[in-house]
């Protein structure tokens, strides 16, 4: 059986149907509540971490650009830049 959010919702409904004394807390502890919480946490983390990553990437880019300027000819910089770009796409 492929277990996913929809399967979990079905199993939760079955469980809460068998345990009516807990029916009124399903909205607090069910999969939908968990998903909402995880989405909120992810959004908060993105708001704080993405700007940090962008700053760090700009810093690294500046350092690499300085390194290229000191050590490479114009032609070799072009080839190396293309290869680095292609490598970065493979990583992501």
PDB file of N, CA and C in Angstrom:
ATOM      1  N   UNK A   1       0.844  -1.182   0.000  1.00  0.00           N
ATOM      2  CA  UNK A   1       0.000   0.000   0.000  1.00  0.00           C
ATOM      3  C   UNK A   1       0.893   1.251   0.000  1.00  0.00           C
ATOM      4  N   UNK A   2       0.571   2.176  -0.841  1.00  0.00           N
ATOM      5  CA  UNK A   2       1.303   3.441  -0.896  1.00  0.00           C
ATOM      6  C   UNK A   2       0.725   4.373   0.171  1.00  0.00           C
ATOM      7  N   UNK A   3       1.537   4.691   1.166  1.00  0.00           N
ATOM      8  CA  UNK A   3       1.063   5.492   2.294  1.00  0.00           C
ATOM      9  C   UNK A   3       1.344   6.962   2.028  1.00  0.00           C
ATOM     10  N   UNK A   4       0.307   7.763   1.963  1.00  0.00           N
ATOM     11  CA  UNK A   4       0.453   9.193   1.701  1.00  0.00           C
ATOM     12  C   UNK A   4      -0.542   9.961   2.580  1.00  0.00           C
ATOM     13  N   UNK A   5      -0.635  11.249   2.346  1.00  0.00           N
ATOM     14  CA  UNK A   5      -1.518  12.084   3.174  1.00  0.00           C
ATOM     15  C   UNK A   5      -2.980  11.650   3.045  1.00  0.00           C
ATOM     16  N   UNK A   6      -3.396  11.301   1.838  1.00  0.00           N
ATOM     17  CA  UNK A   6      -4.800  10.892   1.659  1.00  0.00           C
ATOM     18  C   UNK A   6      -5.099   9.593   2.401  1.00  0.00           C
ATOM     19  N   UNK A   7      -4.168   8.645   2.341  1.00  0.00           N
ATOM     20  CA  UNK A   7      -4.328   7.392   3.080  1.00  0.00           C
ATOM     21  C   UNK A   7      -4.405   7.683   4.578  1.00  0.00           C
ATOM     22  N   UNK A   8      -3.568   8.586   5.038  1.00  0.00           N
ATOM     23  CA  UNK A   8      -3.578   8.950   6.454  1.00  0.00           C
ATOM     24  C   UNK A   8      -4.911   9.567   6.846  1.00  0.00           C
ATOM     25  N   UNK A   9      -5.447  10.450   5.997  1.00  0.00           N
ATOM     26  CA  UNK A   9      -6.766  11.047   6.297  1.00  0.00           C
ATOM     27  C   UNK A   9      -7.838   9.966   6.428  1.00  0.00           C
ATOM     28  N   UNK A  10      -7.816   9.004   5.523  1.00  0.00           N
ATOM     29  CA  UNK A  10      -8.803   7.913   5.562  1.00  0.00           C
ATOM     30  C   UNK A  10      -8.669   7.120   6.858  1.00  0.00           C
ATOM     31  N   UNK A  11      -7.431   6.757   7.199  1.00  0.00           N
ATOM     32  CA  UNK A  11      -7.201   5.989   8.428  1.00  0.00           C
ATOM     33  C   UNK A  11      -7.586   6.794   9.666  1.00  0.00           C
ATOM     34  N   UNK A  12      -7.300   8.097   9.644  1.00  0.00           N
ATOM     35  CA  UNK A  12      -7.692   8.946  10.770  1.00  0.00           C
ATOM     36  C   UNK A  12      -9.214   8.977  10.922  1.00  0.00           C
ATOM     37  N   UNK A  13      -9.918   9.165   9.807  1.00  0.00           N
ATOM     38  CA  UNK A  13     -11.390   9.199   9.876  1.00  0.00           C
ATOM     39  C   UNK A  13     -11.927   7.888  10.435  1.00  0.00           C
ATOM     40  N   UNK A  14     -11.350   6.779   9.989  1.00  0.00           N
ATOM     41  CA  UNK A  14     -11.785   5.469  10.498  1.00  0.00           C
ATOM     42  C   UNK A  14     -11.525   5.378  12.004  1.00  0.00           C
ATOM     43  N   UNK A  15     -10.323   5.804  12.431  1.00  0.00           N
ATOM     44  CA  UNK A  15      -9.970   5.709  13.838  1.00  0.00           C
ATOM     45  C   UNK A  15     -10.876   6.596  14.679  1.00  0.00           C
ATOM     46  N   UNK A  16     -11.063   7.847  14.252  1.00  0.00           N
ATOM     47  CA  UNK A  16     -11.913   8.750  15.015  1.00  0.00           C
ATOM     48  C   UNK A  16     -13.371   8.301  15.009  1.00  0.00           C
ATOM     49  N   UNK A  17     -13.794   7.632  13.950  1.00  0.00           N
ATOM     50  CA  UNK A  17     -15.167   7.091  13.919  1.00  0.00           C
ATOM     51  C   UNK A  17     -15.327   5.976  14.953  1.00  0.00           C
ATOM     52  N   UNK A  18     -14.272   5.215  15.176  1.00  0.00           N
ATOM     53  CA  UNK A  18     -14.312   4.127  16.164  1.00  0.00           C
ATOM     54  C   UNK A  18     -14.120   4.635  17.592  1.00  0.00           C
ATOM     55  N   UNK A  19     -13.603   5.843  17.739  1.00  0.00           N
ATOM     56  CA  UNK A  19     -13.336   6.415  19.058  1.00  0.00           C
ATOM     57  C   UNK A  19     -14.013   7.790  19.154  1.00  0.00           C
ATOM     58  N   UNK A  20     -15.328   7.811  19.264  1.00  0.00           N
ATOM     59  CA  UNK A  20     -16.061   9.080  19.250  1.00  0.00           C
ATOM     60  C   UNK A  20     -15.681  10.023  20.396  1.00  0.00           C
ATOM     61  N   UNK A  21     -15.148   9.484  21.478  1.00  0.00           N
ATOM     62  CA  UNK A  21     -14.753  10.347  22.595  1.00  0.00           C
ATOM     63  C   UNK A  21     -13.609  11.295  22.214  1.00  0.00           C
ATOM     64  N   UNK A  22     -12.884  10.974  21.116  1.00  0.00           N
ATOM     65  CA  UNK A  22     -11.782  11.821  20.660  1.00  0.00           C
ATOM     66  C   UNK A  22     -12.118  12.628  19.408  1.00  0.00           C
ATOM     67  N   UNK A  23     -13.316  12.508  18.919  1.00  0.00           N
ATOM     68  CA  UNK A  23     -13.689  13.143  17.659  1.00  0.00           C
ATOM     69  C   UNK A  23     -13.466  14.661  17.663  1.00  0.00           C
ATOM     70  N   UNK A  24     -13.687  15.279  18.813  1.00  0.00           N
ATOM     71  CA  UNK A  24     -13.582  16.743  18.877  1.00  0.00           C
ATOM     72  C   UNK A  24     -12.137  17.261  18.879  1.00  0.00           C
ATOM     73  N   UNK A  25     -11.126  16.380  18.902  1.00  0.00           N
ATOM     74  CA  UNK A  25      -9.732  16.848  18.862  1.00  0.00           C
ATOM     75  C   UNK A  25      -9.037  16.516  17.538  1.00  0.00           C
ATOM     76  N   UNK A  26      -9.743  15.945  16.613  1.00  0.00           N
ATOM     77  CA  UNK A  26      -9.111  15.567  15.344  1.00  0.00           C
ATOM     78  C   UNK A  26      -8.497  16.782  14.639  1.00  0.00           C
ATOM     79  N   UNK A  27      -9.158  17.918  14.708  1.00  0.00           N
ATOM     80  CA  UNK A  27      -8.651  19.122  14.047  1.00  0.00           C
ATOM     81  C   UNK A  27      -7.362  19.640  14.690  1.00  0.00           C
ATOM     82  N   UNK A  28      -7.048  19.185  15.896  1.00  0.00           N
ATOM     83  CA  UNK A  28      -5.855  19.634  16.610  1.00  0.00           C
ATOM     84  C   UNK A  28      -4.668  18.696  16.385  1.00  0.00           C
ATOM     85  N   UNK A  29      -4.942  17.430  16.129  1.00  0.00           N
ATOM     86  CA  UNK A  29      -3.844  16.466  16.081  1.00  0.00           C
ATOM     87  C   UNK A  29      -3.804  15.631  14.801  1.00  0.00           C
ATOM     88  N   UNK A  30      -4.610  15.926  13.829  1.00  0.00           N
ATOM     89  CA  UNK A  30      -4.650  15.127  12.611  1.00  0.00           C
ATOM     90  C   UNK A  30      -3.606  15.536  11.582  1.00  0.00           C
ATOM     91  N   UNK A  31      -3.602  14.823  10.471  1.00  0.00           N
ATOM     92  CA  UNK A  31      -2.645  15.057   9.392  1.00  0.00           C
ATOM     93  C   UNK A  31      -2.763  16.472   8.822  1.00  0.00           C
ATOM     94  N   UNK A  32      -3.970  16.986   8.720  1.00  0.00           N
ATOM     95  CA  UNK A  32      -4.132  18.339   8.179  1.00  0.00           C
ATOM     96  C   UNK A  32      -3.468  19.372   9.077  1.00  0.00           C
ATOM     97  N   UNK A  33      -3.606  19.192  10.389  1.00  0.00           N
ATOM     98  CA  UNK A  33      -2.948  20.100  11.341  1.00  0.00           C
ATOM     99  C   UNK A  33      -1.429  19.975  11.218  1.00  0.00           C
ATOM    100  N   UNK A  34      -0.949  18.750  11.100  1.00  0.00           N
ATOM    101  CA  UNK A  34       0.487  18.521  10.942  1.00  0.00           C
ATOM    102  C   UNK A  34       1.002  19.174   9.662  1.00  0.00           C
ATOM    103  N   UNK A  35       0.289  19.007   8.569  1.00  0.00           N
ATOM    104  CA  UNK A  35       0.713  19.601   7.305  1.00  0.00           C
ATOM    105  C   UNK A  35       0.712  21.121   7.379  1.00  0.00           C
ATOM    106  N   UNK A  36      -0.311  21.705   7.974  1.00  0.00           N
ATOM    107  CA  UNK A  36      -0.349  23.170   8.133  1.00  0.00           C
ATOM    108  C   UNK A  36       0.837  23.668   8.948  1.00  0.00           C
ATOM    109  N   UNK A  37       1.149  22.951  10.027  1.00  0.00           N
ATOM    110  CA  UNK A  37       2.271  23.337  10.879  1.00  0.00           C
ATOM    111  C   UNK A  37       3.589  23.227  10.122  1.00  0.00           C
ATOM    112  N   UNK A  38       3.773  22.141   9.388  1.00  0.00           N
ATOM    113  CA  UNK A  38       5.021  21.950   8.641  1.00  0.00           C
ATOM    114  C   UNK A  38       5.176  23.010   7.542  1.00  0.00           C
ATOM    115  N   UNK A  39       4.096  23.337   6.872  1.00  0.00           N
ATOM    116  CA  UNK A  39       4.148  24.378   5.839  1.00  0.00           C
ATOM    117  C   UNK A  39       4.515  25.728   6.458  1.00  0.00           C
ATOM    118  N   UNK A  40       3.937  26.038   7.606  1.00  0.00           N
ATOM    119  CA  UNK A  40       4.263  27.295   8.287  1.00  0.00           C
ATOM    120  C   UNK A  40       5.726  27.339   8.711  1.00  0.00           C
ATOM    121  N   UNK A  41       6.213  26.233   9.258  1.00  0.00           N
ATOM    122  CA  UNK A  41       7.620  26.179   9.660  1.00  0.00           C
ATOM    123  C   UNK A  41       8.549  26.329   8.464  1.00  0.00           C
ATOM    124  N   UNK A  42       8.218  25.671   7.365  1.00  0.00           N
ATOM    125  CA  UNK A  42       9.030  25.779   6.157  1.00  0.00           C
ATOM    126  C   UNK A  42       9.030  27.207   5.626  1.00  0.00           C
ATOM    127  N   UNK A  43       7.870  27.837   5.617  1.00  0.00           N
ATOM    128  CA  UNK A  43       7.776  29.217   5.130  1.00  0.00           C
ATOM    129  C   UNK A  43       8.607  30.155   6.008  1.00  0.00           C
ATOM    130  N   UNK A  44       8.520  29.992   7.319  1.00  0.00           N
ATOM    131  CA  UNK A  44       9.316  30.821   8.230  1.00  0.00           C
ATOM    132  C   UNK A  44      10.810  30.611   7.990  1.00  0.00           C
ATOM    133  N   UNK A  45      11.209  29.367   7.818  1.00  0.00           N
ATOM    134  CA  UNK A  45      12.620  29.054   7.584  1.00  0.00           C
ATOM    135  C   UNK A  45      13.091  29.652   6.269  1.00  0.00           C
ATOM    136  N   UNK A  46      12.252  29.605   5.244  1.00  0.00           N
ATOM    137  CA  UNK A  46      12.624  30.177   3.954  1.00  0.00           C
ATOM    138  C   UNK A  46      12.807  31.682   4.059  1.00  0.00           C
ATOM    139  N   UNK A  47      11.936  32.329   4.805  1.00  0.00           N
ATOM    140  CA  UNK A  47      12.021  33.782   4.958  1.00  0.00           C
ATOM    141  C   UNK A  47      13.332  34.175   5.633  1.00  0.00           C
ATOM    142  N   UNK A  48      13.788  33.376   6.580  1.00  0.00           N
ATOM    143  CA  UNK A  48      15.021  33.719   7.283  1.00  0.00           C
ATOM    144  C   UNK A  48      16.272  33.185   6.584  1.00  0.00           C
ATOM    145  N   UNK A  49      16.192  32.011   5.990  1.00  0.00           N
ATOM    146  CA  UNK A  49      17.392  31.371   5.452  1.00  0.00           C
ATOM    147  C   UNK A  49      17.725  31.745   4.010  1.00  0.00           C
ATOM    148  N   UNK A  50      16.728  31.951   3.168  1.00  0.00           N
ATOM    149  CA  UNK A  50      17.011  32.270   1.765  1.00  0.00           C
ATOM    150  C   UNK A  50      17.827  33.557   1.627  1.00  0.00           C
ATOM    151  N   UNK A  51      17.492  34.630   2.325  1.00  0.00           N
ATOM    152  CA  UNK A  51      18.334  35.826   2.223  1.00  0.00           C
ATOM    153  C   UNK A  51      19.788  35.567   2.658  1.00  0.00           C
ATOM    154  N   UNK A  52      19.974  34.735   3.698  1.00  0.00           N
ATOM    155  CA  UNK A  52      21.326  34.391   4.124  1.00  0.00           C
ATOM    156  C   UNK A  52      22.067  33.640   3.017  1.00  0.00           C
ATOM    157  N   UNK A  53      21.381  32.715   2.392  1.00  0.00           N
ATOM    158  CA  UNK A  53      21.999  31.949   1.307  1.00  0.00           C
ATOM    159  C   UNK A  53      22.368  32.843   0.129  1.00  0.00           C
ATOM    160  N   UNK A  54      21.495  33.777  -0.194  1.00  0.00           N
ATOM    161  CA  UNK A  54      21.774  34.701  -1.299  1.00  0.00           C
ATOM    162  C   UNK A  54      23.004  35.540  -0.980  1.00  0.00           C
ATOM    163  N   UNK A  55      23.089  36.054   0.240  1.00  0.00           N
ATOM    164  CA  UNK A  55      24.269  36.840   0.630  1.00  0.00           C
ATOM    165  C   UNK A  55      25.538  35.997   0.544  1.00  0.00           C
ATOM    166  N   UNK A  56      25.459  34.767   1.027  1.00  0.00           N
ATOM    167  CA  UNK A  56      26.620  33.880   0.990  1.00  0.00           C
ATOM    168  C   UNK A  56      27.025  33.563  -0.452  1.00  0.00           C
ATOM    169  N   UNK A  57      26.044  33.324  -1.316  1.00  0.00           N
ATOM    170  CA  UNK A  57      26.349  33.042  -2.722  1.00  0.00           C
ATOM    171  C   UNK A  57      26.987  34.250  -3.405  1.00  0.00           C
ATOM    172  N   UNK A  58      26.517  35.444  -3.091  1.00  0.00           N
ATOM    173  CA  UNK A  58      27.119  36.652  -3.663  1.00  0.00           C
ATOM    174  C   UNK A  58      28.560  36.807  -3.199  1.00  0.00           C
ATOM    175  N   UNK A  59      28.800  36.503  -1.931  1.00  0.00           N
ATOM    176  CA  UNK A  59      30.151  36.585  -1.382  1.00  0.00           C
ATOM    177  C   UNK A  59      31.074  35.591  -2.090  1.00  0.00           C
ATOM    178  N   UNK A  60      30.616  34.364  -2.237  1.00  0.00           N
ATOM    179  CA  UNK A  60      31.418  33.345  -2.913  1.00  0.00           C
ATOM    180  C   UNK A  60      31.642  33.729  -4.370  1.00  0.00           C
ATOM    181  N   UNK A  61      30.615  34.248  -5.023  1.00  0.00           N
ATOM    182  CA  UNK A  61      30.748  34.673  -6.416  1.00  0.00           C
ATOM    183  C   UNK A  61      31.819  35.754  -6.548  1.00  0.00           C
ATOM    184  N   UNK A  62      31.823  36.713  -5.631  1.00  0.00           N
ATOM    185  CA  UNK A  62      32.819  37.783  -5.667  1.00  0.00           C
ATOM    186  C   UNK A  62      34.224  37.217  -5.467  1.00  0.00           C
ATOM    187  N   UNK A  63      34.368  36.279  -4.537  1.00  0.00           N
ATOM    188  CA  UNK A  63      35.670  35.659  -4.293  1.00  0.00           C
ATOM    189  C   UNK A  63      36.154  34.885  -5.516  1.00  0.00           C
ATOM    190  N   UNK A  64      35.258  34.129  -6.134  1.00  0.00           N
ATOM    191  CA  UNK A  64      35.613  33.351  -7.324  1.00  0.00           C
ATOM    192  C   UNK A  64      35.958  34.292  -8.478  1.00  0.00           C
ATOM    193  N   UNK A  65      35.211  35.359  -8.618  1.00  0.00           N
ATOM    194  CA  UNK A  65      35.494  36.332  -9.684  1.00  0.00           C
ATOM    195  C   UNK A  65      36.881  36.943  -9.509  1.00  0.00           C
ATOM    196  N   UNK A  66      37.243  37.269  -8.274  1.00  0.00           N
ATOM    197  CA  UNK A  66      38.586  37.797  -8.009  1.00  0.00           C
ATOM    198  C   UNK A  66      39.645  36.766  -8.362  1.00  0.00           C
ATOM    199  N   UNK A  67      39.392  35.519  -7.992  1.00  0.00           N
ATOM    200  CA  UNK A  67      40.334  34.448  -8.287  1.00  0.00           C
ATOM    201  C   UNK A  67      40.512  34.297  -9.794  1.00  0.00           C
ATOM    202  N   UNK A  68      39.391  34.293 -10.539  1.00  0.00           N
ATOM    203  CA  UNK A  68      39.453  34.205 -12.003  1.00  0.00           C
ATOM    204  C   UNK A  68      40.256  35.359 -12.588  1.00  0.00           C
ATOM    205  N   UNK A  69      39.991  36.549 -12.101  1.00  0.00           N
ATOM    206  CA  UNK A  69      40.652  37.735 -12.651  1.00  0.00           C
ATOM    207  C   UNK A  69      42.167  37.659 -12.471  1.00  0.00           C
ATOM    208  N   UNK A  70      42.614  37.105 -11.378  1.00  0.00           N
ATOM    209  CA  UNK A  70      44.050  37.014 -11.112  1.00  0.00           C
ATOM    210  C   UNK A  70      44.732  35.902 -11.905  1.00  0.00           C
ATOM    211  N   UNK A  71      44.036  34.802 -12.160  1.00  0.00           N
ATOM    212  CA  UNK A  71      44.704  33.604 -12.647  1.00  0.00           C
ATOM    213  C   UNK A  71      44.378  33.173 -14.071  1.00  0.00           C
ATOM    214  N   UNK A  72      43.335  33.698 -14.644  1.00  0.00           N
ATOM    215  CA  UNK A  72      42.887  33.168 -15.929  1.00  0.00           C
ATOM    216  C   UNK A  72      42.897  34.224 -17.029  1.00  0.00           C
ATOM    217  N   UNK A  73      43.137  33.754 -18.243  1.00  0.00           N
ATOM    218  CA  UNK A  73      42.971  34.631 -19.399  1.00  0.00           C
ATOM    219  C   UNK A  73      41.495  34.749 -19.698  1.00  0.00           C
ATOM    220  N   UNK A  74      41.115  35.665 -20.552  1.00  0.00           N
ATOM    221  CA  UNK A  74      39.710  35.861 -20.895  1.00  0.00           C
ATOM    222  C   UNK A  74      39.116  34.589 -21.487  1.00  0.00           C
ATOM    223  N   UNK A  75      39.828  33.935 -22.374  1.00  0.00           N
ATOM    224  CA  UNK A  75      39.320  32.726 -23.030  1.00  0.00           C
ATOM    225  C   UNK A  75      39.154  31.587 -22.015  1.00  0.00           C
ATOM    226  N   UNK A  76      40.154  31.370 -21.163  1.00  0.00           N
ATOM    227  CA  UNK A  76      40.045  30.280 -20.193  1.00  0.00           C
ATOM    228  C   UNK A  76      38.964  30.556 -19.156  1.00  0.00           C
ATOM    229  N   UNK A  77      38.733  31.832 -18.798  1.00  0.00           N
ATOM    230  CA  UNK A  77      37.638  32.171 -17.883  1.00  0.00           C
ATOM    231  C   UNK A  77      36.302  31.773 -18.473  1.00  0.00           C
ATOM    232  N   UNK A  78      36.127  32.017 -19.771  1.00  0.00           N
ATOM    233  CA  UNK A  78      34.868  31.698 -20.432  1.00  0.00           C
ATOM    234  C   UNK A  78      34.601  30.195 -20.393  1.00  0.00           C
ATOM    235  N   UNK A  79      35.605  29.400 -20.710  1.00  0.00           N
ATOM    236  CA  UNK A  79      35.460  27.935 -20.700  1.00  0.00           C
ATOM    237  C   UNK A  79      35.211  27.441 -19.282  1.00  0.00           C
ATOM    238  N   UNK A  80      35.993  27.933 -18.333  1.00  0.00           N
ATOM    239  CA  UNK A  80      35.837  27.515 -16.951  1.00  0.00           C
ATOM    240  C   UNK A  80      34.483  27.927 -16.388  1.00  0.00           C
ATOM    241  N   UNK A  81      34.024  29.121 -16.705  1.00  0.00           N
ATOM    242  CA  UNK A  81      32.706  29.576 -16.244  1.00  0.00           C
ATOM    243  C   UNK A  81      31.605  28.673 -16.781  1.00  0.00           C
ATOM    244  N   UNK A  82      31.692  28.321 -18.044  1.00  0.00           N
ATOM    245  CA  UNK A  82      30.691  27.433 -18.644  1.00  0.00           C
ATOM    246  C   UNK A  82      30.700  26.082 -17.943  1.00  0.00           C
ATOM    247  N   UNK A  83      31.878  25.541 -17.690  1.00  0.00           N
ATOM    248  CA  UNK A  83      31.970  24.239 -17.022  1.00  0.00           C
ATOM    249  C   UNK A  83      31.438  24.296 -15.596  1.00  0.00           C
ATOM    250  N   UNK A  84      31.731  25.368 -14.870  1.00  0.00           N
ATOM    251  CA  UNK A  84      31.195  25.520 -13.522  1.00  0.00           C
ATOM    252  C   UNK A  84      29.679  25.637 -13.534  1.00  0.00           C
ATOM    253  N   UNK A  85      29.151  26.378 -14.499  1.00  0.00           N
ATOM    254  CA  UNK A  85      27.703  26.533 -14.632  1.00  0.00           C
ATOM    255  C   UNK A  85      27.052  25.176 -14.887  1.00  0.00           C
ATOM    256  N   UNK A  86      27.609  24.401 -15.797  1.00  0.00           N
ATOM    257  CA  UNK A  86      27.055  23.072 -16.109  1.00  0.00           C
ATOM    258  C   UNK A  86      27.145  22.162 -14.892  1.00  0.00           C
ATOM    259  N   UNK A  87      28.244  22.231 -14.162  1.00  0.00           N
ATOM    260  CA  UNK A  87      28.394  21.422 -12.954  1.00  0.00           C
ATOM    261  C   UNK A  87      27.343  21.824 -11.901  1.00  0.00           C
ATOM    262  N   UNK A  88      27.121  23.108 -11.729  1.00  0.00           N
ATOM    263  CA  UNK A  88      26.133  23.574 -10.753  1.00  0.00           C
ATOM    264  C   UNK A  88      24.748  23.055 -11.102  1.00  0.00           C
ATOM    265  N   UNK A  89      24.388  23.011 -12.366  1.00  0.00           N
ATOM    266  CA  UNK A  89      23.076  22.501 -12.768  1.00  0.00           C
ATOM    267  C   UNK A  89      22.959  21.024 -12.464  1.00  0.00           C
ATOM    268  N   UNK A  90      24.047  20.267 -12.573  1.00  0.00           N
ATOM    269  CA  UNK A  90      24.007  18.839 -12.249  1.00  0.00           C
ATOM    270  C   UNK A  90      23.762  18.633 -10.750  1.00  0.00           C
ATOM    271  N   UNK A  91      24.317  19.515  -9.928  1.00  0.00           N
ATOM    272  CA  UNK A  91      24.150  19.396  -8.481  1.00  0.00           C
ATOM    273  C   UNK A  91      22.684  19.606  -8.108  1.00  0.00           C
ATOM    274  N   UNK A  92      22.044  20.611  -8.696  1.00  0.00           N
ATOM    275  CA  UNK A  92      20.656  20.914  -8.353  1.00  0.00           C
ATOM    276  C   UNK A  92      19.737  20.143  -9.232  1.00  0.00           C
TER     277      UNK A  92
END
